[in-house]
């Protein structure tokens, strides 16, 4: 996954699975990096999705914040 650097590296590991950029040159470099090792980045992105963004991890905190 290639996304703009908005400071998410403060709470999310980036570099494999998530590659960030802050300008056009960085975006192009990120594309090249991902394409050069696509299978590794794909696996890392899948692991990240399962570990960080899985429903059983995200939903309880969201519900607790929404329903006091």
PDB file of N, CA and C in Angstrom:
ATOM      1  N   UNK A   1       0.846  -1.151   0.000  1.00  0.00           N
ATOM      2  CA  UNK A   1       0.000   0.000   0.000  1.00  0.00           C
ATOM      3  C   UNK A   1       0.905   1.231   0.000  1.00  0.00           C
ATOM      4  N   UNK A   2       0.622   2.172  -0.843  1.00  0.00           N
ATOM      5  CA  UNK A   2       1.373   3.415  -0.952  1.00  0.00           C
ATOM      6  C   UNK A   2       0.449   4.553  -0.553  1.00  0.00           C
ATOM      7  N   UNK A   3       0.802   5.274   0.510  1.00  0.00           N
ATOM      8  CA  UNK A   3      -0.039   6.374   0.973  1.00  0.00           C
ATOM      9  C   UNK A   3       0.813   7.571   1.372  1.00  0.00           C
ATOM     10  N   UNK A   4       0.194   8.720   1.338  1.00  0.00           N
ATOM     11  CA  UNK A   4       0.894   9.950   1.705  1.00  0.00           C
ATOM     12  C   UNK A   4       1.273   9.920   3.180  1.00  0.00           C
ATOM     13  N   UNK A   5       2.449  10.418   3.489  1.00  0.00           N
ATOM     14  CA  UNK A   5       2.931  10.458   4.868  1.00  0.00           C
ATOM     15  C   UNK A   5       2.215  11.574   5.620  1.00  0.00           C
ATOM     16  N   UNK A   6       1.332  11.177   6.518  1.00  0.00           N
ATOM     17  CA  UNK A   6       0.586  12.134   7.338  1.00  0.00           C
ATOM     18  C   UNK A   6       0.927  11.965   8.810  1.00  0.00           C
ATOM     19  N   UNK A   7       2.059  11.324   9.087  1.00  0.00           N
ATOM     20  CA  UNK A   7       2.478  11.106  10.460  1.00  0.00           C
ATOM     21  C   UNK A   7       2.033   9.775  11.026  1.00  0.00           C
ATOM     22  N   UNK A   8       1.485   8.921  10.188  1.00  0.00           N
ATOM     23  CA  UNK A   8       1.003   7.637  10.697  1.00  0.00           C
ATOM     24  C   UNK A   8       2.123   6.742  11.210  1.00  0.00           C
ATOM     25  N   UNK A   9       3.362   7.029  10.836  1.00  0.00           N
ATOM     26  CA  UNK A   9       4.481   6.228  11.332  1.00  0.00           C
ATOM     27  C   UNK A   9       4.628   6.348  12.846  1.00  0.00           C
ATOM     28  N   UNK A  10       3.934   7.323  13.465  1.00  0.00           N
ATOM     29  CA  UNK A  10       3.946   7.447  14.926  1.00  0.00           C
ATOM     30  C   UNK A  10       3.215   6.284  15.595  1.00  0.00           C
ATOM     31  N   UNK A  11       2.268   5.685  14.886  1.00  0.00           N
ATOM     32  CA  UNK A  11       1.488   4.601  15.492  1.00  0.00           C
ATOM     33  C   UNK A  11       1.400   3.340  14.636  1.00  0.00           C
ATOM     34  N   UNK A  12       1.976   3.390  13.445  1.00  0.00           N
ATOM     35  CA  UNK A  12       1.906   2.250  12.535  1.00  0.00           C
ATOM     36  C   UNK A  12       3.273   2.016  11.909  1.00  0.00           C
ATOM     37  N   UNK A  13       3.708   0.777  11.901  1.00  0.00           N
ATOM     38  CA  UNK A  13       5.009   0.523  11.275  1.00  0.00           C
ATOM     39  C   UNK A  13       4.876   0.653   9.757  1.00  0.00           C
ATOM     40  N   UNK A  14       5.816   1.335   9.174  1.00  0.00           N
ATOM     41  CA  UNK A  14       5.801   1.556   7.737  1.00  0.00           C
ATOM     42  C   UNK A  14       7.102   1.036   7.140  1.00  0.00           C
ATOM     43  N   UNK A  15       7.099   0.840   5.849  1.00  0.00           N
ATOM     44  CA  UNK A  15       8.295   0.375   5.156  1.00  0.00           C
ATOM     45  C   UNK A  15       8.061  -0.925   4.413  1.00  0.00           C
ATOM     46  N   UNK A  16       7.312  -1.826   5.018  1.00  0.00           N
ATOM     47  CA  UNK A  16       6.926  -3.071   4.363  1.00  0.00           C
ATOM     48  C   UNK A  16       5.422  -3.213   4.531  1.00  0.00           C
ATOM     49  N   UNK A  17       4.735  -3.321   3.431  1.00  0.00           N
ATOM     50  CA  UNK A  17       3.284  -3.401   3.482  1.00  0.00           C
ATOM     51  C   UNK A  17       2.648  -2.031   3.384  1.00  0.00           C
ATOM     52  N   UNK A  18       3.239  -1.059   4.043  1.00  0.00           N
ATOM     53  CA  UNK A  18       2.819   0.332   3.944  1.00  0.00           C
ATOM     54  C   UNK A  18       4.057   1.153   3.626  1.00  0.00           C
ATOM     55  N   UNK A  19       4.028   1.804   2.491  1.00  0.00           N
ATOM     56  CA  UNK A  19       5.122   2.675   2.068  1.00  0.00           C
ATOM     57  C   UNK A  19       4.540   4.074   1.966  1.00  0.00           C
ATOM     58  N   UNK A  20       5.213   5.033   2.572  1.00  0.00           N
ATOM     59  CA  UNK A  20       4.698   6.395   2.561  1.00  0.00           C
ATOM     60  C   UNK A  20       5.532   7.298   1.660  1.00  0.00           C
ATOM     61  N   UNK A  21       4.927   8.411   1.274  1.00  0.00           N
ATOM     62  CA  UNK A  21       5.616   9.406   0.462  1.00  0.00           C
ATOM     63  C   UNK A  21       5.166  10.789   0.879  1.00  0.00           C
ATOM     64  N   UNK A  22       5.978  11.785   0.591  1.00  0.00           N
ATOM     65  CA  UNK A  22       5.606  13.161   0.912  1.00  0.00           C
ATOM     66  C   UNK A  22       5.652  14.077  -0.304  1.00  0.00           C
ATOM     67  N   UNK A  23       6.154  13.570  -1.418  1.00  0.00           N
ATOM     68  CA  UNK A  23       6.174  14.366  -2.643  1.00  0.00           C
ATOM     69  C   UNK A  23       6.131  13.428  -3.850  1.00  0.00           C
ATOM     70  N   UNK A  24       6.088  14.019  -5.020  1.00  0.00           N
ATOM     71  CA  UNK A  24       5.963  13.222  -6.244  1.00  0.00           C
ATOM     72  C   UNK A  24       7.124  12.247  -6.408  1.00  0.00           C
ATOM     73  N   UNK A  25       8.332  12.706  -6.156  1.00  0.00           N
ATOM     74  CA  UNK A  25       9.505  11.832  -6.291  1.00  0.00           C
ATOM     75  C   UNK A  25       9.424  10.670  -5.303  1.00  0.00           C
ATOM     76  N   UNK A  26       8.960  10.945  -4.108  1.00  0.00           N
ATOM     77  CA  UNK A  26       8.805   9.889  -3.116  1.00  0.00           C
ATOM     78  C   UNK A  26       7.739   8.879  -3.498  1.00  0.00           C
ATOM     79  N   UNK A  27       6.675   9.372  -4.122  1.00  0.00           N
ATOM     80  CA  UNK A  27       5.614   8.473  -4.585  1.00  0.00           C
ATOM     81  C   UNK A  27       6.138   7.549  -5.673  1.00  0.00           C
ATOM     82  N   UNK A  28       6.878   8.108  -6.612  1.00  0.00           N
ATOM     83  CA  UNK A  28       7.447   7.284  -7.679  1.00  0.00           C
ATOM     84  C   UNK A  28       8.437   6.271  -7.127  1.00  0.00           C
ATOM     85  N   UNK A  29       9.255   6.693  -6.172  1.00  0.00           N
ATOM     86  CA  UNK A  29      10.201   5.770  -5.544  1.00  0.00           C
ATOM     87  C   UNK A  29       9.458   4.669  -4.787  1.00  0.00           C
ATOM     88  N   UNK A  30       8.359   5.032  -4.136  1.00  0.00           N
ATOM     89  CA  UNK A  30       7.554   4.045  -3.431  1.00  0.00           C
ATOM     90  C   UNK A  30       6.952   3.015  -4.355  1.00  0.00           C
ATOM     91  N   UNK A  31       6.477   3.456  -5.489  1.00  0.00           N
ATOM     92  CA  UNK A  31       5.929   2.533  -6.496  1.00  0.00           C
ATOM     93  C   UNK A  31       7.009   1.561  -6.951  1.00  0.00           C
ATOM     94  N   UNK A  32       8.175   2.093  -7.236  1.00  0.00           N
ATOM     95  CA  UNK A  32       9.277   1.231  -7.669  1.00  0.00           C
ATOM     96  C   UNK A  32       9.664   0.233  -6.574  1.00  0.00           C
ATOM     97  N   UNK A  33       9.702   0.697  -5.328  1.00  0.00           N
ATOM     98  CA  UNK A  33      10.040  -0.188  -4.215  1.00  0.00           C
ATOM     99  C   UNK A  33       9.026  -1.325  -4.089  1.00  0.00           C
ATOM    100  N   UNK A  34       7.760  -0.989  -4.115  1.00  0.00           N
ATOM    101  CA  UNK A  34       6.713  -2.012  -3.996  1.00  0.00           C
ATOM    102  C   UNK A  34       6.780  -2.982  -5.167  1.00  0.00           C
ATOM    103  N   UNK A  35       6.898  -2.460  -6.374  1.00  0.00           N
ATOM    104  CA  UNK A  35       6.946  -3.326  -7.548  1.00  0.00           C
ATOM    105  C   UNK A  35       8.171  -4.230  -7.558  1.00  0.00           C
ATOM    106  N   UNK A  36       9.279  -3.762  -7.007  1.00  0.00           N
ATOM    107  CA  UNK A  36      10.502  -4.564  -7.027  1.00  0.00           C
ATOM    108  C   UNK A  36      10.415  -5.783  -6.112  1.00  0.00           C
ATOM    109  N   UNK A  37       9.573  -5.705  -5.094  1.00  0.00           N
ATOM    110  CA  UNK A  37       9.413  -6.829  -4.156  1.00  0.00           C
ATOM    111  C   UNK A  37       7.934  -6.988  -3.820  1.00  0.00           C
ATOM    112  N   UNK A  38       7.132  -7.095  -4.868  1.00  0.00           N
ATOM    113  CA  UNK A  38       5.684  -7.072  -4.701  1.00  0.00           C
ATOM    114  C   UNK A  38       5.170  -8.152  -3.750  1.00  0.00           C
ATOM    115  N   UNK A  39       5.624  -9.377  -3.890  1.00  0.00           N
ATOM    116  CA  UNK A  39       5.114 -10.464  -3.049  1.00  0.00           C
ATOM    117  C   UNK A  39       5.384 -10.195  -1.568  1.00  0.00           C
ATOM    118  N   UNK A  40       6.565  -9.688  -1.256  1.00  0.00           N
ATOM    119  CA  UNK A  40       6.905  -9.399   0.144  1.00  0.00           C
ATOM    120  C   UNK A  40       6.018  -8.281   0.687  1.00  0.00           C
ATOM    121  N   UNK A  41       5.828  -7.221  -0.085  1.00  0.00           N
ATOM    122  CA  UNK A  41       4.984  -6.117   0.362  1.00  0.00           C
ATOM    123  C   UNK A  41       3.525  -6.549   0.488  1.00  0.00           C
ATOM    124  N   UNK A  42       3.088  -7.398  -0.427  1.00  0.00           N
ATOM    125  CA  UNK A  42       1.704  -7.897  -0.364  1.00  0.00           C
ATOM    126  C   UNK A  42       1.475  -8.689   0.915  1.00  0.00           C
ATOM    127  N   UNK A  43       2.400  -9.565   1.242  1.00  0.00           N
ATOM    128  CA  UNK A  43       2.273 -10.365   2.478  1.00  0.00           C
ATOM    129  C   UNK A  43       2.321  -9.469   3.715  1.00  0.00           C
ATOM    130  N   UNK A  44       3.210  -8.496   3.720  1.00  0.00           N
ATOM    131  CA  UNK A  44       3.324  -7.589   4.858  1.00  0.00           C
ATOM    132  C   UNK A  44       2.060  -6.751   5.023  1.00  0.00           C
ATOM    133  N   UNK A  45       1.471  -6.305   3.916  1.00  0.00           N
ATOM    134  CA  UNK A  45       0.228  -5.536   3.982  1.00  0.00           C
ATOM    135  C   UNK A  45      -0.907  -6.393   4.523  1.00  0.00           C
ATOM    136  N   UNK A  46      -0.957  -7.631   4.125  1.00  0.00           N
ATOM    137  CA  UNK A  46      -1.997  -8.542   4.624  1.00  0.00           C
ATOM    138  C   UNK A  46      -1.849  -8.763   6.131  1.00  0.00           C
ATOM    139  N   UNK A  47      -0.604  -8.995   6.581  1.00  0.00           N
ATOM    140  CA  UNK A  47      -0.347  -9.167   8.021  1.00  0.00           C
ATOM    141  C   UNK A  47      -0.758  -7.925   8.795  1.00  0.00           C
ATOM    142  N   UNK A  48      -0.413  -6.784   8.282  1.00  0.00           N
ATOM    143  CA  UNK A  48      -0.762  -5.528   8.933  1.00  0.00           C
ATOM    144  C   UNK A  48      -2.278  -5.365   9.029  1.00  0.00           C
ATOM    145  N   UNK A  49      -2.971  -5.660   7.960  1.00  0.00           N
ATOM    146  CA  UNK A  49      -4.435  -5.570   7.973  1.00  0.00           C
ATOM    147  C   UNK A  49      -5.025  -6.506   9.020  1.00  0.00           C
ATOM    148  N   UNK A  50      -4.498  -7.699   9.129  1.00  0.00           N
ATOM    149  CA  UNK A  50      -5.012  -8.663  10.097  1.00  0.00           C
ATOM    150  C   UNK A  50      -4.665  -8.271  11.530  1.00  0.00           C
ATOM    151  N   UNK A  51      -3.471  -7.731  11.754  1.00  0.00           N
ATOM    152  CA  UNK A  51      -3.021  -7.411  13.106  1.00  0.00           C
ATOM    153  C   UNK A  51      -3.548  -6.074  13.629  1.00  0.00           C
ATOM    154  N   UNK A  52      -3.688  -5.089  12.754  1.00  0.00           N
ATOM    155  CA  UNK A  52      -4.026  -3.745  13.200  1.00  0.00           C
ATOM    156  C   UNK A  52      -5.467  -3.355  12.885  1.00  0.00           C
ATOM    157  N   UNK A  53      -5.954  -3.738  11.713  1.00  0.00           N
ATOM    158  CA  UNK A  53      -7.246  -3.246  11.259  1.00  0.00           C
ATOM    159  C   UNK A  53      -8.359  -4.279  11.301  1.00  0.00           C
ATOM    160  N   UNK A  54      -8.130  -5.426  11.878  1.00  0.00           N
ATOM    161  CA  UNK A  54      -9.155  -6.464  11.957  1.00  0.00           C
ATOM    162  C   UNK A  54     -10.342  -5.974  12.793  1.00  0.00           C
ATOM    163  N   UNK A  55     -11.520  -6.402  12.426  1.00  0.00           N
ATOM    164  CA  UNK A  55     -12.737  -5.981  13.105  1.00  0.00           C
ATOM    165  C   UNK A  55     -12.687  -6.234  14.597  1.00  0.00           C
ATOM    166  N   UNK A  56     -12.179  -7.383  15.015  1.00  0.00           N
ATOM    167  CA  UNK A  56     -12.155  -7.693  16.446  1.00  0.00           C
ATOM    168  C   UNK A  56     -11.199  -6.788  17.219  1.00  0.00           C
ATOM    169  N   UNK A  57     -10.336  -6.081  16.550  1.00  0.00           N
ATOM    170  CA  UNK A  57      -9.445  -5.124  17.207  1.00  0.00           C
ATOM    171  C   UNK A  57     -10.005  -3.705  17.151  1.00  0.00           C
ATOM    172  N   UNK A  58     -10.619  -3.341  16.040  1.00  0.00           N
ATOM    173  CA  UNK A  58     -11.058  -1.968  15.830  1.00  0.00           C
ATOM    174  C   UNK A  58     -12.449  -1.719  16.395  1.00  0.00           C
ATOM    175  N   UNK A  59     -13.369  -2.626  16.184  1.00  0.00           N
ATOM    176  CA  UNK A  59     -14.769  -2.408  16.543  1.00  0.00           C
ATOM    177  C   UNK A  59     -15.007  -2.195  18.038  1.00  0.00           C
ATOM    178  N   UNK A  60     -14.423  -2.991  18.945  1.00  0.00           N
ATOM    179  CA  UNK A  60     -14.676  -2.742  20.369  1.00  0.00           C
ATOM    180  C   UNK A  60     -14.287  -1.321  20.815  1.00  0.00           C
ATOM    181  N   UNK A  61     -13.146  -0.833  20.381  1.00  0.00           N
ATOM    182  CA  UNK A  61     -12.729   0.520  20.762  1.00  0.00           C
ATOM    183  C   UNK A  61     -13.679   1.552  20.166  1.00  0.00           C
ATOM    184  N   UNK A  62     -14.105   1.348  18.944  1.00  0.00           N
ATOM    185  CA  UNK A  62     -15.022   2.265  18.298  1.00  0.00           C
ATOM    186  C   UNK A  62     -16.368   2.298  19.037  1.00  0.00           C
ATOM    187  N   UNK A  63     -16.881   1.138  19.382  1.00  0.00           N
ATOM    188  CA  UNK A  63     -18.152   1.082  20.098  1.00  0.00           C
ATOM    189  C   UNK A  63     -18.039   1.695  21.481  1.00  0.00           C
ATOM    190  N   UNK A  64     -16.948   1.443  22.167  1.00  0.00           N
ATOM    191  CA  UNK A  64     -16.755   2.035  23.506  1.00  0.00           C
ATOM    192  C   UNK A  64     -16.686   3.547  23.428  1.00  0.00           C
ATOM    193  N   UNK A  65     -16.091   4.087  22.393  1.00  0.00           N
ATOM    194  CA  UNK A  65     -16.011   5.538  22.233  1.00  0.00           C
ATOM    195  C   UNK A  65     -17.372   6.128  21.838  1.00  0.00           C
ATOM    196  N   UNK A  66     -18.146   5.389  21.052  1.00  0.00           N
ATOM    197  CA  UNK A  66     -19.415   5.897  20.550  1.00  0.00           C
ATOM    198  C   UNK A  66     -20.549   5.748  21.565  1.00  0.00           C
ATOM    199  N   UNK A  67     -20.480   4.713  22.376  1.00  0.00           N
ATOM    200  CA  UNK A  67     -21.554   4.427  23.321  1.00  0.00           C
ATOM    201  C   UNK A  67     -20.969   4.431  24.741  1.00  0.00           C
ATOM    202  N   UNK A  68     -21.103   5.554  25.422  1.00  0.00           N
ATOM    203  CA  UNK A  68     -20.518   5.642  26.787  1.00  0.00           C
ATOM    204  C   UNK A  68     -21.230   4.775  27.799  1.00  0.00           C
TER     205      UNK A  68
END
